[in-house]
PDB file of all heavy atoms in Angstrom:
ATOM      1  N   VAL A   1      -0.003  99.380 -17.532  1.00  0.00           N
ATOM      2  CA  VAL A   1      -0.163  99.993 -16.210  1.00  0.00           C
ATOM      3  C   VAL A   1      -1.388  99.425 -15.498  1.00  0.00           C
ATOM      4  O   VAL A   1      -1.350  99.107 -14.306  1.00  0.00           O
ATOM      5  CB  VAL A   1      -0.279 101.525 -16.330  1.00  0.00           C
ATOM      6  CG1 VAL A   1      -0.367 102.160 -14.951  1.00  0.00           C
ATOM      7  CG2 VAL A   1       0.899 102.095 -17.091  1.00  0.00           C
ATOM      8  N   ILE A   2      -2.490  99.279 -16.234  1.00  0.00           N
ATOM      9  CA  ILE A   2      -3.719  98.759 -15.618  1.00  0.00           C
ATOM     10  C   ILE A   2      -3.522  97.314 -15.155  1.00  0.00           C
ATOM     11  O   ILE A   2      -3.957  96.933 -14.057  1.00  0.00           O
ATOM     12  CB  ILE A   2      -4.892  98.868 -16.612  1.00  0.00           C
ATOM     13  CG1 ILE A   2      -5.247 100.340 -16.833  1.00  0.00           C
ATOM     14  CG2 ILE A   2      -6.112  98.099 -16.099  1.00  0.00           C
ATOM     15  CD1 ILE A   2      -6.305 100.576 -17.890  1.00  0.00           C
ATOM     16  N   PHE A   3      -2.863  96.498 -15.980  1.00  0.00           N
ATOM     17  CA  PHE A   3      -2.627  95.104 -15.590  1.00  0.00           C
ATOM     18  C   PHE A   3      -1.741  95.033 -14.344  1.00  0.00           C
ATOM     19  O   PHE A   3      -1.930  94.173 -13.482  1.00  0.00           O
ATOM     20  CB  PHE A   3      -1.972  94.335 -16.737  1.00  0.00           C
ATOM     21  CG  PHE A   3      -2.893  94.082 -17.904  1.00  0.00           C
ATOM     22  CD1 PHE A   3      -2.396  93.729 -19.151  1.00  0.00           C
ATOM     23  CD2 PHE A   3      -4.266  94.208 -17.757  1.00  0.00           C
ATOM     24  CE1 PHE A   3      -3.242  93.502 -20.223  1.00  0.00           C
ATOM     25  CE2 PHE A   3      -5.125  93.981 -18.825  1.00  0.00           C
ATOM     26  CZ  PHE A   3      -4.606  93.630 -20.062  1.00  0.00           C
ATOM     27  N   ALA A   4      -0.757  95.938 -14.257  1.00  0.00           N
ATOM     28  CA  ALA A   4       0.087  95.979 -13.058  1.00  0.00           C
ATOM     29  C   ALA A   4      -0.752  96.352 -11.842  1.00  0.00           C
ATOM     30  O   ALA A   4      -0.613  95.749 -10.767  1.00  0.00           O
ATOM     31  CB  ALA A   4       1.226  96.976 -13.254  1.00  0.00           C
ATOM     32  N   ASN A   5      -1.624  97.343 -12.000  1.00  0.00           N
ATOM     33  CA  ASN A   5      -2.519  97.710 -10.902  1.00  0.00           C
ATOM     34  C   ASN A   5      -3.492  96.586 -10.580  1.00  0.00           C
ATOM     35  O   ASN A   5      -3.902  96.406  -9.426  1.00  0.00           O
ATOM     36  CB  ASN A   5      -3.311  98.969 -11.273  1.00  0.00           C
ATOM     37  CG  ASN A   5      -2.441 100.207 -11.332  1.00  0.00           C
ATOM     38  OD1 ASN A   5      -1.365 100.249 -10.739  1.00  0.00           O
ATOM     39  ND2 ASN A   5      -2.903 101.227 -12.053  1.00  0.00           N
ATOM     40  N   LEU A   6      -3.866  95.825 -11.616  1.00  0.00           N
ATOM     41  CA  LEU A   6      -4.807  94.727 -11.422  1.00  0.00           C
ATOM     42  C   LEU A   6      -4.213  93.652 -10.514  1.00  0.00           C
ATOM     43  O   LEU A   6      -4.919  93.070  -9.679  1.00  0.00           O
ATOM     44  CB  LEU A   6      -5.192  94.122 -12.773  1.00  0.00           C
ATOM     45  CG  LEU A   6      -6.314  93.082 -12.772  1.00  0.00           C
ATOM     46  CD1 LEU A   6      -7.616  93.702 -12.282  1.00  0.00           C
ATOM     47  CD2 LEU A   6      -6.491  92.495 -14.170  1.00  0.00           C
ATOM     48  N   ALA A   7      -2.909  93.401 -10.654  1.00  0.00           N
ATOM     49  CA  ALA A   7      -2.263  92.408  -9.794  1.00  0.00           C
ATOM     50  C   ALA A   7      -2.396  92.800  -8.330  1.00  0.00           C
ATOM     51  O   ALA A   7      -2.744  91.978  -7.466  1.00  0.00           O
ATOM     52  CB  ALA A   7      -0.781  92.270 -10.180  1.00  0.00           C
ATOM     53  N   GLU A   8      -2.139  94.072  -8.036  1.00  0.00           N
ATOM     54  CA  GLU A   8      -2.261  94.550  -6.656  1.00  0.00           C
ATOM     55  C   GLU A   8      -3.720  94.566  -6.217  1.00  0.00           C
ATOM     56  O   GLU A   8      -4.036  94.212  -5.083  1.00  0.00           O
ATOM     57  CB  GLU A   8      -1.652  95.944  -6.539  1.00  0.00           C
ATOM     58  CG  GLU A   8      -1.625  96.481  -5.118  1.00  0.00           C
ATOM     59  CD  GLU A   8      -0.895  97.801  -5.026  1.00  0.00           C
ATOM     60  OE1 GLU A   8      -0.614  98.409  -6.072  1.00  0.00           O
ATOM     61  OE2 GLU A   8      -0.597  98.237  -3.902  1.00  0.00           O
ATOM     62  N   ALA A   9      -4.620  94.968  -7.122  1.00  0.00           N
ATOM     63  CA  ALA A   9      -6.039  95.037  -6.777  1.00  0.00           C
ATOM     64  C   ALA A   9      -6.614  93.653  -6.480  1.00  0.00           C
ATOM     65  O   ALA A   9      -7.439  93.496  -5.567  1.00  0.00           O
ATOM     66  CB  ALA A   9      -6.820  95.686  -7.920  1.00  0.00           C
ATOM     67  N   VAL A  10      -6.196  92.637  -7.237  1.00  0.00           N
ATOM     68  CA  VAL A  10      -6.676  91.269  -6.983  1.00  0.00           C
ATOM     69  C   VAL A  10      -6.191  90.789  -5.626  1.00  0.00           C
ATOM     70  O   VAL A  10      -6.941  90.188  -4.846  1.00  0.00           O
ATOM     71  CB  VAL A  10      -6.207  90.314  -8.100  1.00  0.00           C
ATOM     72  CG1 VAL A  10      -6.476  88.866  -7.717  1.00  0.00           C
ATOM     73  CG2 VAL A  10      -6.917  90.639  -9.401  1.00  0.00           C
ATOM     74  N   ALA A  11      -4.910  91.049  -5.321  1.00  0.00           N
ATOM     75  CA  ALA A  11      -4.367  90.652  -4.025  1.00  0.00           C
ATOM     76  C   ALA A  11      -5.120  91.335  -2.892  1.00  0.00           C
ATOM     77  O   ALA A  11      -5.478  90.708  -1.888  1.00  0.00           O
ATOM     78  CB  ALA A  11      -2.876  90.987  -3.958  1.00  0.00           C
ATOM     79  N   GLU A  12      -5.374  92.636  -3.045  1.00  0.00           N
ATOM     80  CA  GLU A  12      -6.115  93.361  -2.014  1.00  0.00           C
ATOM     81  C   GLU A  12      -7.566  92.901  -1.956  1.00  0.00           C
ATOM     82  O   GLU A  12      -8.165  92.848  -0.873  1.00  0.00           O
ATOM     83  CB  GLU A  12      -6.050  94.863  -2.288  1.00  0.00           C
ATOM     84  CG  GLU A  12      -4.662  95.457  -2.091  1.00  0.00           C
ATOM     85  CD  GLU A  12      -4.607  96.924  -2.471  1.00  0.00           C
ATOM     86  OE1 GLU A  12      -5.601  97.410  -3.054  1.00  0.00           O
ATOM     87  OE2 GLU A  12      -3.588  97.569  -2.185  1.00  0.00           O
ATOM     88  N   GLY A  13      -8.134  92.569  -3.125  1.00  0.00           N
ATOM     89  CA  GLY A  13      -9.522  92.120  -3.165  1.00  0.00           C
ATOM     90  C   GLY A  13      -9.729  90.831  -2.396  1.00  0.00           C
ATOM     91  O   GLY A  13     -10.754  90.659  -1.726  1.00  0.00           O
ATOM     92  N   ARG A  14      -8.764  89.932  -2.472  1.00  0.00           N
ATOM     93  CA  ARG A  14      -8.865  88.685  -1.705  1.00  0.00           C
ATOM     94  C   ARG A  14      -8.871  88.994  -0.217  1.00  0.00           C
ATOM     95  O   ARG A  14      -9.609  88.398   0.565  1.00  0.00           O
ATOM     96  CB  ARG A  14      -7.694  87.770  -2.052  1.00  0.00           C
ATOM     97  CG  ARG A  14      -7.674  87.307  -3.499  1.00  0.00           C
ATOM     98  CD  ARG A  14      -6.339  86.704  -3.859  1.00  0.00           C
ATOM     99  NE  ARG A  14      -6.108  85.471  -3.149  1.00  0.00           N
ATOM    100  CZ  ARG A  14      -4.903  84.914  -3.001  1.00  0.00           C
ATOM    101  NH1 ARG A  14      -3.846  85.504  -3.500  1.00  0.00           N
ATOM    102  NH2 ARG A  14      -4.755  83.790  -2.362  1.00  0.00           N
ATOM    103  N   GLY A  15      -8.036  89.966   0.186  1.00  0.00           N
ATOM    104  CA  GLY A  15      -8.000  90.350   1.590  1.00  0.00           C
ATOM    105  C   GLY A  15      -9.306  90.981   2.044  1.00  0.00           C
ATOM    106  O   GLY A  15      -9.786  90.719   3.146  1.00  0.00           O
ATOM    107  N   LYS A  16      -9.908  91.812   1.174  1.00  0.00           N
ATOM    108  CA  LYS A  16     -11.157  92.460   1.545  1.00  0.00           C
ATOM    109  C   LYS A  16     -12.283  91.442   1.701  1.00  0.00           C
ATOM    110  O   LYS A  16     -13.178  91.613   2.530  1.00  0.00           O
ATOM    111  CB  LYS A  16     -11.524  93.504   0.501  1.00  0.00           C
ATOM    112  CG  LYS A  16     -10.610  94.732   0.542  1.00  0.00           C
ATOM    113  CD  LYS A  16     -10.914  95.715  -0.574  1.00  0.00           C
ATOM    114  CE  LYS A  16      -9.959  96.908  -0.507  1.00  0.00           C
ATOM    115  NZ  LYS A  16     -10.175  97.859  -1.613  1.00  0.00           N
ATOM    116  N   ALA A  17     -12.232  90.383   0.900  1.00  0.00           N
ATOM    117  CA  ALA A  17     -13.242  89.329   1.041  1.00  0.00           C
ATOM    118  C   ALA A  17     -13.107  88.654   2.398  1.00  0.00           C
ATOM    119  O   ALA A  17     -14.098  88.330   3.055  1.00  0.00           O
ATOM    120  CB  ALA A  17     -13.089  88.303  -0.087  1.00  0.00           C
ATOM    121  N   GLN A  18     -11.861  88.443   2.834  1.00  0.00           N
ATOM    122  CA  GLN A  18     -11.646  87.866   4.156  1.00  0.00           C
ATOM    123  C   GLN A  18     -12.114  88.832   5.236  1.00  0.00           C
ATOM    124  O   GLN A  18     -12.674  88.432   6.257  1.00  0.00           O
ATOM    125  CB  GLN A  18     -10.170  87.535   4.350  1.00  0.00           C
ATOM    126  CG  GLN A  18      -9.710  86.343   3.543  1.00  0.00           C
ATOM    127  CD  GLN A  18      -8.254  86.028   3.824  1.00  0.00           C
ATOM    128  OE1 GLN A  18      -7.448  86.903   4.067  1.00  0.00           O
ATOM    129  NE2 GLN A  18      -7.914  84.762   3.797  1.00  0.00           N
ATOM    130  N   ALA A  19     -11.865  90.129   5.030  1.00  0.00           N
ATOM    131  CA  ALA A  19     -12.249  91.125   6.024  1.00  0.00           C
ATOM    132  C   ALA A  19     -13.754  91.128   6.240  1.00  0.00           C
ATOM    133  O   ALA A  19     -14.238  91.307   7.359  1.00  0.00           O
ATOM    134  CB  ALA A  19     -11.766  92.504   5.598  1.00  0.00           C
ATOM    135  N   GLU A  20     -14.515  90.920   5.171  1.00  0.00           N
ATOM    136  CA  GLU A  20     -15.965  90.900   5.302  1.00  0.00           C
ATOM    137  C   GLU A  20     -16.413  89.763   6.206  1.00  0.00           C
ATOM    138  O   GLU A  20     -17.316  89.913   7.028  1.00  0.00           O
ATOM    139  CB  GLU A  20     -16.621  90.773   3.924  1.00  0.00           C
ATOM    140  CG  GLU A  20     -16.629  92.064   3.127  1.00  0.00           C
ATOM    141  CD  GLU A  20     -17.313  93.193   3.874  1.00  0.00           C
ATOM    142  OE1 GLU A  20     -18.420  92.976   4.417  1.00  0.00           O
ATOM    143  OE2 GLU A  20     -16.735  94.294   3.945  1.00  0.00           O
ATOM    144  N   SER A  21     -15.784  88.599   6.037  1.00  0.00           N
ATOM    145  CA  SER A  21     -16.156  87.462   6.884  1.00  0.00           C
ATOM    146  C   SER A  21     -15.768  87.718   8.333  1.00  0.00           C
ATOM    147  O   SER A  21     -16.449  87.281   9.257  1.00  0.00           O
ATOM    148  CB  SER A  21     -15.489  86.180   6.378  1.00  0.00           C
ATOM    149  OG  SER A  21     -14.090  86.242   6.545  1.00  0.00           O
ATOM    150  N   LEU A  22     -14.655  88.444   8.546  1.00  0.00           N
ATOM    151  CA  LEU A  22     -14.248  88.763   9.909  1.00  0.00           C
ATOM    152  C   LEU A  22     -15.179  89.794  10.541  1.00  0.00           C
ATOM    153  O   LEU A  22     -15.456  89.748  11.733  1.00  0.00           O
ATOM    154  CB  LEU A  22     -12.814  89.295   9.913  1.00  0.00           C
ATOM    155  CG  LEU A  22     -11.724  88.279   9.574  1.00  0.00           C
ATOM    156  CD1 LEU A  22     -10.384  88.979   9.428  1.00  0.00           C
ATOM    157  CD2 LEU A  22     -11.642  87.206  10.636  1.00  0.00           C
ATOM    158  N   ARG A  23     -15.665  90.729   9.730  1.00  0.00           N
ATOM    159  CA  ARG A  23     -16.546  91.763  10.266  1.00  0.00           C
ATOM    160  C   ARG A  23     -17.866  91.174  10.778  1.00  0.00           C
ATOM    161  O   ARG A  23     -18.515  91.751  11.644  1.00  0.00           O
ATOM    162  CB  ARG A  23     -16.843  92.807   9.191  1.00  0.00           C
ATOM    163  CG  ARG A  23     -15.714  93.806   9.003  1.00  0.00           C
ATOM    164  CD  ARG A  23     -16.216  95.033   8.237  1.00  0.00           C
ATOM    165  NE  ARG A  23     -15.153  96.000   8.113  1.00  0.00           N
ATOM    166  CZ  ARG A  23     -14.323  96.084   7.074  1.00  0.00           C
ATOM    167  NH1 ARG A  23     -14.453  95.213   6.082  1.00  0.00           N
ATOM    168  NH2 ARG A  23     -13.382  96.988   7.036  1.00  0.00           N
ATOM    169  N   LYS A  24     -18.258  90.034  10.214  1.00  0.00           N
ATOM    170  CA  LYS A  24     -19.491  89.410  10.676  1.00  0.00           C
ATOM    171  C   LYS A  24     -19.387  88.988  12.136  1.00  0.00           C
ATOM    172  O   LYS A  24     -20.395  88.820  12.813  1.00  0.00           O
ATOM    173  CB  LYS A  24     -19.820  88.192   9.804  1.00  0.00           C
ATOM    174  CG  LYS A  24     -20.197  88.574   8.377  1.00  0.00           C
ATOM    175  CD  LYS A  24     -20.460  87.341   7.541  1.00  0.00           C
ATOM    176  CE  LYS A  24     -20.795  87.726   6.095  1.00  0.00           C
ATOM    177  NZ  LYS A  24     -21.014  86.532   5.236  1.00  0.00           N
ATOM    178  N   ALA A  25     -18.136  88.781  12.598  1.00  0.00           N
ATOM    179  CA  ALA A  25     -17.941  88.400  13.992  1.00  0.00           C
ATOM    180  C   ALA A  25     -18.023  89.606  14.914  1.00  0.00           C
ATOM    181  O   ALA A  25     -18.059  89.469  16.124  1.00  0.00           O
ATOM    182  CB  ALA A  25     -16.594  87.704  14.170  1.00  0.00           C
ATOM    183  N   ARG A  26     -18.008  90.813  14.323  1.00  0.00           N
ATOM    184  CA  ARG A  26     -18.074  92.035  15.126  1.00  0.00           C
ATOM    185  C   ARG A  26     -19.494  92.586  15.063  1.00  0.00           C
ATOM    186  O   ARG A  26     -19.999  92.932  14.012  1.00  0.00           O
ATOM    187  CB  ARG A  26     -17.089  93.079  14.603  1.00  0.00           C
ATOM    188  CG  ARG A  26     -15.677  92.645  14.710  1.00  0.00           C
ATOM    189  CD  ARG A  26     -14.692  93.749  14.427  1.00  0.00           C
ATOM    190  NE  ARG A  26     -15.290  94.933  13.832  1.00  0.00           N
ATOM    191  CZ  ARG A  26     -14.617  96.063  13.638  1.00  0.00           C
ATOM    192  NH1 ARG A  26     -13.368  96.142  13.998  1.00  0.00           N
ATOM    193  NH2 ARG A  26     -15.193  97.099  13.084  1.00  0.00           N
ATOM    194  N   THR A  27     -20.140  92.646  16.167  1.00  0.00           N
ATOM    195  CA  THR A  27     -21.494  93.183  16.228  1.00  0.00           C
ATOM    196  C   THR A  27     -21.532  94.305  17.249  1.00  0.00           C
ATOM    197  O   THR A  27     -20.573  94.550  17.964  1.00  0.00           O
ATOM    198  CB  THR A  27     -22.492  92.080  16.634  1.00  0.00           C
ATOM    199  OG1 THR A  27     -22.098  91.590  17.925  1.00  0.00           O
ATOM    200  CG2 THR A  27     -22.499  90.934  15.642  1.00  0.00           C
ATOM    201  N   ASP A  28     -22.657  94.973  17.292  1.00  0.00           N
ATOM    202  CA  ASP A  28     -22.831  96.038  18.283  1.00  0.00           C
ATOM    203  C   ASP A  28     -23.087  95.394  19.643  1.00  0.00           C
ATOM    204  O   ASP A  28     -24.236  95.239  20.084  1.00  0.00           O
ATOM    205  CB  ASP A  28     -23.986  96.961  17.889  1.00  0.00           C
ATOM    206  CG  ASP A  28     -23.696  97.691  16.587  1.00  0.00           C
ATOM    207  OD1 ASP A  28     -22.514  97.956  16.333  1.00  0.00           O
ATOM    208  OD2 ASP A  28     -24.654  97.972  15.850  1.00  0.00           O
ATOM    209  N   THR A  29     -22.032  94.974  20.287  1.00  0.00           N
ATOM    210  CA  THR A  29     -22.131  94.233  21.533  1.00  0.00           C
ATOM    211  C   THR A  29     -22.330  95.174  22.713  1.00  0.00           C
ATOM    212  O   THR A  29     -21.702  96.226  22.803  1.00  0.00           O
ATOM    213  CB  THR A  29     -20.851  93.410  21.756  1.00  0.00           C
ATOM    214  OG1 THR A  29     -20.615  92.623  20.591  1.00  0.00           O
ATOM    215  CG2 THR A  29     -20.984  92.510  22.963  1.00  0.00           C
ATOM    216  N   VAL A  30     -23.200  94.759  23.630  1.00  0.00           N
ATOM    217  CA  VAL A  30     -23.379  95.480  24.888  1.00  0.00           C
ATOM    218  C   VAL A  30     -22.625  94.727  25.965  1.00  0.00           C
ATOM    219  O   VAL A  30     -22.801  93.520  26.134  1.00  0.00           O
ATOM    220  CB  VAL A  30     -24.873  95.601  25.255  1.00  0.00           C
ATOM    221  CG1 VAL A  30     -25.029  96.261  26.620  1.00  0.00           C
ATOM    222  CG2 VAL A  30     -25.612  96.403  24.188  1.00  0.00           C
ATOM    223  N   ALA A  31     -21.764  95.422  26.675  1.00  0.00           N
ATOM    224  CA  ALA A  31     -20.936  94.792  27.696  1.00  0.00           C
ATOM    225  C   ALA A  31     -21.482  95.102  29.080  1.00  0.00           C
ATOM    226  O   ALA A  31     -22.030  96.181  29.326  1.00  0.00           O
ATOM    227  CB  ALA A  31     -19.495  95.291  27.576  1.00  0.00           C
ATOM    228  N   LEU A  32     -21.319  94.153  29.987  1.00  0.00           N
ATOM    229  CA  LEU A  32     -21.732  94.326  31.374  1.00  0.00           C
ATOM    230  C   LEU A  32     -20.480  94.660  32.188  1.00  0.00           C
ATOM    231  O   LEU A  32     -19.716  93.773  32.581  1.00  0.00           O
ATOM    232  CB  LEU A  32     -22.399  93.045  31.887  1.00  0.00           C
ATOM    233  CG  LEU A  32     -23.348  93.204  33.079  1.00  0.00           C
ATOM    234  CD1 LEU A  32     -24.493  94.144  32.727  1.00  0.00           C
ATOM    235  CD2 LEU A  32     -23.896  91.850  33.492  1.00  0.00           C
TER     236      LEU A  32
END
């Protein structure tokens, strides 16, 4: 069961790593 969950967790983990790099592009921007 854990190994089956691990497959999904690894796939999601790769996505979360990408999300972190995308979040760096989002800052507390002030708009005019």
